[in-house]
Structure formats: C-alpha cells, structure tokens
Amino acid sequence: MFTELGKLLVAIGIIAVLAGIALIIYQKTGVPGFFRWFGNLPLDIKIQRDNFRFYFPLGTSIALSAILSFLIYLINKFFR
C-alpha cells in the first residue's frame, strides 16, 4: 500500500517541479501568450473600485481542476 502512495507522491512532485520550471522560464523569457489565459477566463470575477480590488478566479480554478484530475487519472492508470 505504501509503495503505491510513494509512487504517486513522487509523480506529483515531478509534475510540481516541471510546473515550477515552466513558470520560471516564462518569467525569464516573457513569451507572449504562454500563460495569458491564466486568470482571464470567462468565469473569473474581477471587481475594481477606487480603494478596493476583488479577484475570484473561478474559471481558472475549474480549468486547473480538470487538468489536474486528468493528470492524476493518467498517473493512476499507468501505475496500477
């Protein structure tokens, strides 16, 4: 039981490291359009007033949830 959990944690760690590297490369190079969708999806709520800003990334959260669910599904399929 613990070996499967260990494999899953290693796979999640590798995915997190790859995502971190992608974000660092994006910040260094500034490739236009690479993460432009992030935070600008249709269900993202942005309210700006004079002394107030509110941002609720609902659409981005749903998209990331779907992507991560798919990745976890693939990891689960290949490690079983």
PDB file of N, CA and C in Angstrom:
ATOM      1  N   MET A   1       0.820  -1.185   0.000  1.00  0.00           N
ATOM      2  CA  MET A   1       0.000   0.000   0.000  1.00  0.00           C
ATOM      3  C   MET A   1       0.869   1.257   0.000  1.00  0.00           C
ATOM      4  N   PHE A   2       1.916   1.289   0.788  1.00  0.00           N
ATOM      5  CA  PHE A   2       2.733   2.487   0.874  1.00  0.00           C
ATOM      6  C   PHE A   2       3.594   2.689  -0.364  1.00  0.00           C
ATOM      7  N   THR A   3       3.895   1.606  -1.088  1.00  0.00           N
ATOM      8  CA  THR A   3       4.696   1.786  -2.299  1.00  0.00           C
ATOM      9  C   THR A   3       3.889   2.523  -3.368  1.00  0.00           C
ATOM     10  N   GLU A   4       2.593   2.220  -3.491  1.00  0.00           N
ATOM     11  CA  GLU A   4       1.759   2.938  -4.455  1.00  0.00           C
ATOM     12  C   GLU A   4       1.631   4.404  -4.068  1.00  0.00           C
ATOM     13  N   LEU A   5       1.461   4.674  -2.787  1.00  0.00           N
ATOM     14  CA  LEU A   5       1.358   6.052  -2.317  1.00  0.00           C
ATOM     15  C   LEU A   5       2.670   6.792  -2.561  1.00  0.00           C
ATOM     16  N   GLY A   6       3.768   6.112  -2.341  1.00  0.00           N
ATOM     17  CA  GLY A   6       5.075   6.710  -2.590  1.00  0.00           C
ATOM     18  C   GLY A   6       5.273   7.044  -4.060  1.00  0.00           C
ATOM     19  N   LYS A   7       4.859   6.137  -4.950  1.00  0.00           N
ATOM     20  CA  LYS A   7       4.958   6.399  -6.385  1.00  0.00           C
ATOM     21  C   LYS A   7       4.088   7.585  -6.785  1.00  0.00           C
ATOM     22  N   LEU A   8       2.904   7.656  -6.222  1.00  0.00           N
ATOM     23  CA  LEU A   8       2.003   8.759  -6.534  1.00  0.00           C
ATOM     24  C   LEU A   8       2.589  10.089  -6.059  1.00  0.00           C
ATOM     25  N   LEU A   9       3.151  10.108  -4.869  1.00  0.00           N
ATOM     26  CA  LEU A   9       3.748  11.338  -4.355  1.00  0.00           C
ATOM     27  C   LEU A   9       4.961  11.769  -5.177  1.00  0.00           C
ATOM     28  N   VAL A  10       5.756  10.803  -5.633  1.00  0.00           N
ATOM     29  CA  VAL A  10       6.895  11.130  -6.488  1.00  0.00           C
ATOM     30  C   VAL A  10       6.401  11.711  -7.811  1.00  0.00           C
ATOM     31  N   ALA A  11       5.364  11.122  -8.392  1.00  0.00           N
ATOM     32  CA  ALA A  11       4.829  11.622  -9.661  1.00  0.00           C
ATOM     33  C   ALA A  11       4.263  13.030  -9.491  1.00  0.00           C
ATOM     34  N   ILE A  12       3.551  13.274  -8.411  1.00  0.00           N
ATOM     35  CA  ILE A  12       3.010  14.612  -8.152  1.00  0.00           C
ATOM     36  C   ILE A  12       4.146  15.603  -7.940  1.00  0.00           C
ATOM     37  N   GLY A  13       5.188  15.174  -7.263  1.00  0.00           N
ATOM     38  CA  GLY A  13       6.350  16.042  -7.059  1.00  0.00           C
ATOM     39  C   GLY A  13       7.036  16.395  -8.366  1.00  0.00           C
ATOM     40  N   ILE A  14       7.171  15.428  -9.246  1.00  0.00           N
ATOM     41  CA  ILE A  14       7.791  15.682 -10.548  1.00  0.00           C
ATOM     42  C   ILE A  14       6.945  16.663 -11.355  1.00  0.00           C
ATOM     43  N   ILE A  15       5.630  16.495 -11.313  1.00  0.00           N
ATOM     44  CA  ILE A  15       4.735  17.409 -12.021  1.00  0.00           C
ATOM     45  C   ILE A  15       4.839  18.811 -11.435  1.00  0.00           C
ATOM     46  N   ALA A  16       4.920  18.914 -10.119  1.00  0.00           N
ATOM     47  CA  ALA A  16       5.049  20.228  -9.484  1.00  0.00           C
ATOM     48  C   ALA A  16       6.368  20.892  -9.858  1.00  0.00           C
ATOM     49  N   VAL A  17       7.440  20.117  -9.915  1.00  0.00           N
ATOM     50  CA  VAL A  17       8.743  20.674 -10.302  1.00  0.00           C
ATOM     51  C   VAL A  17       8.699  21.148 -11.752  1.00  0.00           C
ATOM     52  N   LEU A  18       8.104  20.368 -12.633  1.00  0.00           N
ATOM     53  CA  LEU A  18       8.000  20.774 -14.036  1.00  0.00           C
ATOM     54  C   LEU A  18       7.161  22.036 -14.196  1.00  0.00           C
ATOM     55  N   ALA A  19       6.087  22.140 -13.429  1.00  0.00           N
ATOM     56  CA  ALA A  19       5.259  23.350 -13.480  1.00  0.00           C
ATOM     57  C   ALA A  19       6.043  24.553 -12.960  1.00  0.00           C
ATOM     58  N   GLY A  20       6.814  24.366 -11.922  1.00  0.00           N
ATOM     59  CA  GLY A  20       7.644  25.443 -11.392  1.00  0.00           C
ATOM     60  C   GLY A  20       8.704  25.889 -12.383  1.00  0.00           C
ATOM     61  N   ILE A  21       9.316  24.937 -13.062  1.00  0.00           N
ATOM     62  CA  ILE A  21      10.317  25.278 -14.078  1.00  0.00           C
ATOM     63  C   ILE A  21       9.667  26.045 -15.225  1.00  0.00           C
ATOM     64  N   ALA A  22       8.456  25.627 -15.622  1.00  0.00           N
ATOM     65  CA  ALA A  22       7.749  26.331 -16.695  1.00  0.00           C
ATOM     66  C   ALA A  22       7.442  27.772 -16.291  1.00  0.00           C
ATOM     67  N   LEU A  23       7.046  27.970 -15.047  1.00  0.00           N
ATOM     68  CA  LEU A  23       6.765  29.327 -14.579  1.00  0.00           C
ATOM     69  C   LEU A  23       8.028  30.177 -14.519  1.00  0.00           C
ATOM     70  N   ILE A  24       9.144  29.601 -14.110  1.00  0.00           N
ATOM     71  CA  ILE A  24      10.405  30.342 -14.065  1.00  0.00           C
ATOM     72  C   ILE A  24      10.852  30.706 -15.476  1.00  0.00           C
ATOM     73  N   ILE A  25      10.740  29.768 -16.409  1.00  0.00           N
ATOM     74  CA  ILE A  25      11.110  30.062 -17.794  1.00  0.00           C
ATOM     75  C   ILE A  25      10.221  31.156 -18.355  1.00  0.00           C
ATOM     76  N   TYR A  26       8.945  31.104 -18.061  1.00  0.00           N
ATOM     77  CA  TYR A  26       8.022  32.139 -18.533  1.00  0.00           C
ATOM     78  C   TYR A  26       8.415  33.500 -17.976  1.00  0.00           C
ATOM     79  N   GLN A  27       8.754  33.553 -16.707  1.00  0.00           N
ATOM     80  CA  GLN A  27       9.125  34.827 -16.094  1.00  0.00           C
ATOM     81  C   GLN A  27      10.421  35.367 -16.698  1.00  0.00           C
ATOM     82  N   LYS A  28      11.370  34.498 -16.982  1.00  0.00           N
ATOM     83  CA  LYS A  28      12.658  34.938 -17.527  1.00  0.00           C
ATOM     84  C   LYS A  28      12.542  35.377 -18.991  1.00  0.00           C
ATOM     85  N   THR A  29      11.793  34.613 -19.786  1.00  0.00           N
ATOM     86  CA  THR A  29      11.718  34.899 -21.216  1.00  0.00           C
ATOM     87  C   THR A  29      10.584  35.845 -21.563  1.00  0.00           C
ATOM     88  N   GLY A  30       9.483  35.790 -20.833  1.00  0.00           N
ATOM     89  CA  GLY A  30       8.344  36.649 -21.120  1.00  0.00           C
ATOM     90  C   GLY A  30       7.693  36.332 -22.456  1.00  0.00           C
ATOM     91  N   VAL A  31       7.593  35.057 -22.776  1.00  0.00           N
ATOM     92  CA  VAL A  31       6.985  34.653 -24.039  1.00  0.00           C
ATOM     93  C   VAL A  31       5.528  35.102 -24.041  1.00  0.00           C
ATOM     94  N   PRO A  32       5.127  35.941 -25.001  1.00  0.00           N
ATOM     95  CA  PRO A  32       3.744  36.420 -25.004  1.00  0.00           C
ATOM     96  C   PRO A  32       2.761  35.290 -25.316  1.00  0.00           C
ATOM     97  N   GLY A  33       1.690  35.253 -24.572  1.00  0.00           N
ATOM     98  CA  GLY A  33       0.640  34.281 -24.802  1.00  0.00           C
ATOM     99  C   GLY A  33       0.834  32.939 -24.138  1.00  0.00           C
ATOM    100  N   PHE A  34       1.960  32.720 -23.457  1.00  0.00           N
ATOM    101  CA  PHE A  34       2.232  31.414 -22.864  1.00  0.00           C
ATOM    102  C   PHE A  34       1.251  31.101 -21.737  1.00  0.00           C
ATOM    103  N   PHE A  35       1.090  32.024 -20.804  1.00  0.00           N
ATOM    104  CA  PHE A  35       0.123  31.855 -19.719  1.00  0.00           C
ATOM    105  C   PHE A  35      -0.883  32.999 -19.711  1.00  0.00           C
ATOM    106  N   ARG A  36      -1.147  33.586 -20.855  1.00  0.00           N
ATOM    107  CA  ARG A  36      -2.064  34.719 -20.905  1.00  0.00           C
ATOM    108  C   ARG A  36      -3.485  34.321 -20.495  1.00  0.00           C
ATOM    109  N   TRP A  37      -3.869  33.093 -20.743  1.00  0.00           N
ATOM    110  CA  TRP A  37      -5.210  32.633 -20.385  1.00  0.00           C
ATOM    111  C   TRP A  37      -5.380  32.517 -18.881  1.00  0.00           C
ATOM    112  N   PHE A  38      -4.252  32.327 -18.178  1.00  0.00           N
ATOM    113  CA  PHE A  38      -4.304  32.088 -16.740  1.00  0.00           C
ATOM    114  C   PHE A  38      -4.804  33.338 -16.025  1.00  0.00           C
ATOM    115  N   GLY A  39      -5.994  33.253 -15.440  1.00  0.00           N
ATOM    116  CA  GLY A  39      -6.569  34.380 -14.724  1.00  0.00           C
ATOM    117  C   GLY A  39      -7.474  35.248 -15.563  1.00  0.00           C
ATOM    118  N   ASN A  40      -7.660  34.902 -16.829  1.00  0.00           N
ATOM    119  CA  ASN A  40      -8.507  35.699 -17.708  1.00  0.00           C
ATOM    120  C   ASN A  40      -9.586  34.868 -18.387  1.00  0.00           C
ATOM    121  N   LEU A  41     -10.032  33.824 -17.747  1.00  0.00           N
ATOM    122  CA  LEU A  41     -11.087  33.003 -18.313  1.00  0.00           C
ATOM    123  C   LEU A  41     -12.452  33.645 -18.064  1.00  0.00           C
ATOM    124  N   PRO A  42     -13.493  33.210 -18.780  1.00  0.00           N
ATOM    125  CA  PRO A  42     -14.791  33.876 -18.667  1.00  0.00           C
ATOM    126  C   PRO A  42     -15.413  33.879 -17.267  1.00  0.00           C
ATOM    127  N   LEU A  43     -15.186  32.884 -16.452  1.00  0.00           N
ATOM    128  CA  LEU A  43     -15.805  32.844 -15.125  1.00  0.00           C
ATOM    129  C   LEU A  43     -14.962  33.505 -14.034  1.00  0.00           C
ATOM    130  N   ASP A  44     -13.841  34.098 -14.392  1.00  0.00           N
ATOM    131  CA  ASP A  44     -13.018  34.804 -13.407  1.00  0.00           C
ATOM    132  C   ASP A  44     -13.673  36.146 -13.086  1.00  0.00           C
ATOM    133  N   ILE A  45     -13.893  36.391 -11.806  1.00  0.00           N
ATOM    134  CA  ILE A  45     -14.594  37.590 -11.359  1.00  0.00           C
ATOM    135  C   ILE A  45     -13.565  38.626 -10.921  1.00  0.00           C
ATOM    136  N   LYS A  46     -13.634  39.807 -11.537  1.00  0.00           N
ATOM    137  CA  LYS A  46     -12.735  40.906 -11.188  1.00  0.00           C
ATOM    138  C   LYS A  46     -13.589  42.149 -10.904  1.00  0.00           C
ATOM    139  N   ILE A  47     -13.426  42.694  -9.707  1.00  0.00           N
ATOM    140  CA  ILE A  47     -14.109  43.924  -9.332  1.00  0.00           C
ATOM    141  C   ILE A  47     -13.046  44.907  -8.863  1.00  0.00           C
ATOM    142  N   GLN A  48     -13.009  46.083  -9.504  1.00  0.00           N
ATOM    143  CA  GLN A  48     -12.044  47.114  -9.121  1.00  0.00           C
ATOM    144  C   GLN A  48     -12.783  48.413  -8.849  1.00  0.00           C
ATOM    145  N   ARG A  49     -12.568  48.945  -7.672  1.00  0.00           N
ATOM    146  CA  ARG A  49     -13.120  50.243  -7.299  1.00  0.00           C
ATOM    147  C   ARG A  49     -11.947  51.153  -6.940  1.00  0.00           C
ATOM    148  N   ASP A  50     -12.236  52.310  -6.379  1.00  0.00           N
ATOM    149  CA  ASP A  50     -11.175  53.258  -6.043  1.00  0.00           C
ATOM    150  C   ASP A  50     -10.163  52.676  -5.056  1.00  0.00           C
ATOM    151  N   ASN A  51     -10.638  52.189  -3.918  1.00  0.00           N
ATOM    152  CA  ASN A  51      -9.740  51.660  -2.886  1.00  0.00           C
ATOM    153  C   ASN A  51      -9.988  50.181  -2.624  1.00  0.00           C
ATOM    154  N   PHE A  52     -10.455  49.470  -3.626  1.00  0.00           N
ATOM    155  CA  PHE A  52     -10.860  48.083  -3.403  1.00  0.00           C
ATOM    156  C   PHE A  52     -10.629  47.270  -4.673  1.00  0.00           C
ATOM    157  N   ARG A  53     -10.040  46.105  -4.506  1.00  0.00           N
ATOM    158  CA  ARG A  53      -9.884  45.151  -5.599  1.00  0.00           C
ATOM    159  C   ARG A  53     -10.314  43.785  -5.106  1.00  0.00           C
ATOM    160  N   PHE A  54     -11.123  43.115  -5.904  1.00  0.00           N
ATOM    161  CA  PHE A  54     -11.566  41.764  -5.577  1.00  0.00           C
ATOM    162  C   PHE A  54     -11.368  40.900  -6.810  1.00  0.00           C
ATOM    163  N   TYR A  55     -10.746  39.755  -6.611  1.00  0.00           N
ATOM    164  CA  TYR A  55     -10.488  38.835  -7.712  1.00  0.00           C
ATOM    165  C   TYR A  55     -10.806  37.431  -7.241  1.00  0.00           C
ATOM    166  N   PHE A  56     -11.708  36.768  -7.957  1.00  0.00           N
ATOM    167  CA  PHE A  56     -12.081  35.399  -7.631  1.00  0.00           C
ATOM    168  C   PHE A  56     -11.936  34.562  -8.906  1.00  0.00           C
ATOM    169  N   PRO A  57     -10.868  33.765  -9.018  1.00  0.00           N
ATOM    170  CA  PRO A  57     -10.586  33.027 -10.263  1.00  0.00           C
ATOM    171  C   PRO A  57     -11.365  31.717 -10.371  1.00  0.00           C
ATOM    172  N   LEU A  58     -12.665  31.796 -10.529  1.00  0.00           N
ATOM    173  CA  LEU A  58     -13.499  30.595 -10.594  1.00  0.00           C
ATOM    174  C   LEU A  58     -13.226  29.793 -11.864  1.00  0.00           C
ATOM    175  N   GLY A  59     -13.179  30.453 -13.007  1.00  0.00           N
ATOM    176  CA  GLY A  59     -12.931  29.752 -14.274  1.00  0.00           C
ATOM    177  C   GLY A  59     -11.555  29.106 -14.307  1.00  0.00           C
ATOM    178  N   THR A  60     -10.563  29.819 -13.811  1.00  0.00           N
ATOM    179  CA  THR A  60      -9.209  29.273 -13.765  1.00  0.00           C
ATOM    180  C   THR A  60      -9.151  28.073 -12.822  1.00  0.00           C
ATOM    181  N   SER A  61      -9.857  28.160 -11.707  1.00  0.00           N
ATOM    182  CA  SER A  61      -9.880  27.040 -10.754  1.00  0.00           C
ATOM    183  C   SER A  61     -10.512  25.804 -11.381  1.00  0.00           C
ATOM    184  N   ILE A  62     -11.585  25.996 -12.129  1.00  0.00           N
ATOM    185  CA  ILE A  62     -12.237  24.864 -12.789  1.00  0.00           C
ATOM    186  C   ILE A  62     -11.323  24.259 -13.845  1.00  0.00           C
ATOM    187  N   ALA A  63     -10.647  25.100 -14.628  1.00  0.00           N
ATOM    188  CA  ALA A  63      -9.741  24.598 -15.661  1.00  0.00           C
ATOM    189  C   ALA A  63      -8.574  23.833 -15.041  1.00  0.00           C
ATOM    190  N   LEU A  64      -7.968  24.382 -14.005  1.00  0.00           N
ATOM    191  CA  LEU A  64      -6.855  23.696 -13.348  1.00  0.00           C
ATOM    192  C   LEU A  64      -7.306  22.390 -12.699  1.00  0.00           C
ATOM    193  N   SER A  65      -8.514  22.385 -12.146  1.00  0.00           N
ATOM    194  CA  SER A  65      -9.043  21.163 -11.550  1.00  0.00           C
ATOM    195  C   SER A  65      -9.220  20.080 -12.605  1.00  0.00           C
ATOM    196  N   ALA A  66      -9.728  20.443 -13.764  1.00  0.00           N
ATOM    197  CA  ALA A  66      -9.915  19.464 -14.836  1.00  0.00           C
ATOM    198  C   ALA A  66      -8.565  18.938 -15.330  1.00  0.00           C
ATOM    199  N   ILE A  67      -7.590  19.829 -15.499  1.00  0.00           N
ATOM    200  CA  ILE A  67      -6.265  19.411 -15.969  1.00  0.00           C
ATOM    201  C   ILE A  67      -5.590  18.494 -14.952  1.00  0.00           C
ATOM    202  N   LEU A  68      -5.629  18.889 -13.677  1.00  0.00           N
ATOM    203  CA  LEU A  68      -5.006  18.058 -12.644  1.00  0.00           C
ATOM    204  C   LEU A  68      -5.729  16.725 -12.468  1.00  0.00           C
ATOM    205  N   SER A  69      -7.051  16.715 -12.586  1.00  0.00           N
ATOM    206  CA  SER A  69      -7.797  15.458 -12.499  1.00  0.00           C
ATOM    207  C   SER A  69      -7.392  14.509 -13.622  1.00  0.00           C
ATOM    208  N   PHE A  70      -7.236  15.065 -14.823  1.00  0.00           N
ATOM    209  CA  PHE A  70      -6.815  14.244 -15.955  1.00  0.00           C
ATOM    210  C   PHE A  70      -5.408  13.694 -15.742  1.00  0.00           C
ATOM    211  N   LEU A  71      -4.487  14.531 -15.247  1.00  0.00           N
ATOM    212  CA  LEU A  71      -3.118  14.066 -14.985  1.00  0.00           C
ATOM    213  C   LEU A  71      -3.088  12.983 -13.913  1.00  0.00           C
ATOM    214  N   ILE A  72      -3.869  13.163 -12.866  1.00  0.00           N
ATOM    215  CA  ILE A  72      -3.924  12.150 -11.806  1.00  0.00           C
ATOM    216  C   ILE A  72      -4.534  10.855 -12.332  1.00  0.00           C
ATOM    217  N   TYR A  73      -5.533  10.973 -13.213  1.00  0.00           N
ATOM    218  CA  TYR A  73      -6.119   9.793 -13.838  1.00  0.00           C
ATOM    219  C   TYR A  73      -5.064   9.031 -14.642  1.00  0.00           C
ATOM    220  N   LEU A  74      -4.272   9.777 -15.430  1.00  0.00           N
ATOM    221  CA  LEU A  74      -3.229   9.115 -16.225  1.00  0.00           C
ATOM    222  C   LEU A  74      -2.176   8.461 -15.347  1.00  0.00           C
ATOM    223  N   ILE A  75      -1.766   9.161 -14.295  1.00  0.00           N
ATOM    224  CA  ILE A  75      -0.781   8.592 -13.364  1.00  0.00           C
ATOM    225  C   ILE A  75      -1.341   7.340 -12.721  1.00  0.00           C
ATOM    226  N   ASN A  76      -2.585   7.394 -12.312  1.00  0.00           N
ATOM    227  CA  ASN A  76      -3.231   6.241 -11.671  1.00  0.00           C
ATOM    228  C   ASN A  76      -3.344   5.078 -12.648  1.00  0.00           C
ATOM    229  N   LYS A  77      -3.622   5.365 -13.906  1.00  0.00           N
ATOM    230  CA  LYS A  77      -3.774   4.303 -14.909  1.00  0.00           C
ATOM    231  C   LYS A  77      -2.448   3.616 -15.188  1.00  0.00           C
ATOM    232  N   PHE A  78      -1.355   4.381 -15.245  1.00  0.00           N
ATOM    233  CA  PHE A  78      -0.057   3.790 -15.597  1.00  0.00           C
ATOM    234  C   PHE A  78       0.627   3.120 -14.416  1.00  0.00           C
ATOM    235  N   PHE A  79       0.312   3.478 -13.182  1.00  0.00           N
ATOM    236  CA  PHE A  79       0.970   2.893 -12.032  1.00  0.00           C
ATOM    237  C   PHE A  79       0.187   1.741 -11.430  1.00  0.00           C
ATOM    238  N   ARG A  80      -0.896   1.363 -12.015  1.00  0.00           N
ATOM    239  CA  ARG A  80      -1.651   0.208 -11.475  1.00  0.00           C
ATOM    240  C   ARG A  80      -1.536  -0.980 -12.357  1.00  0.00           C
TER     241      ARG A  80
END
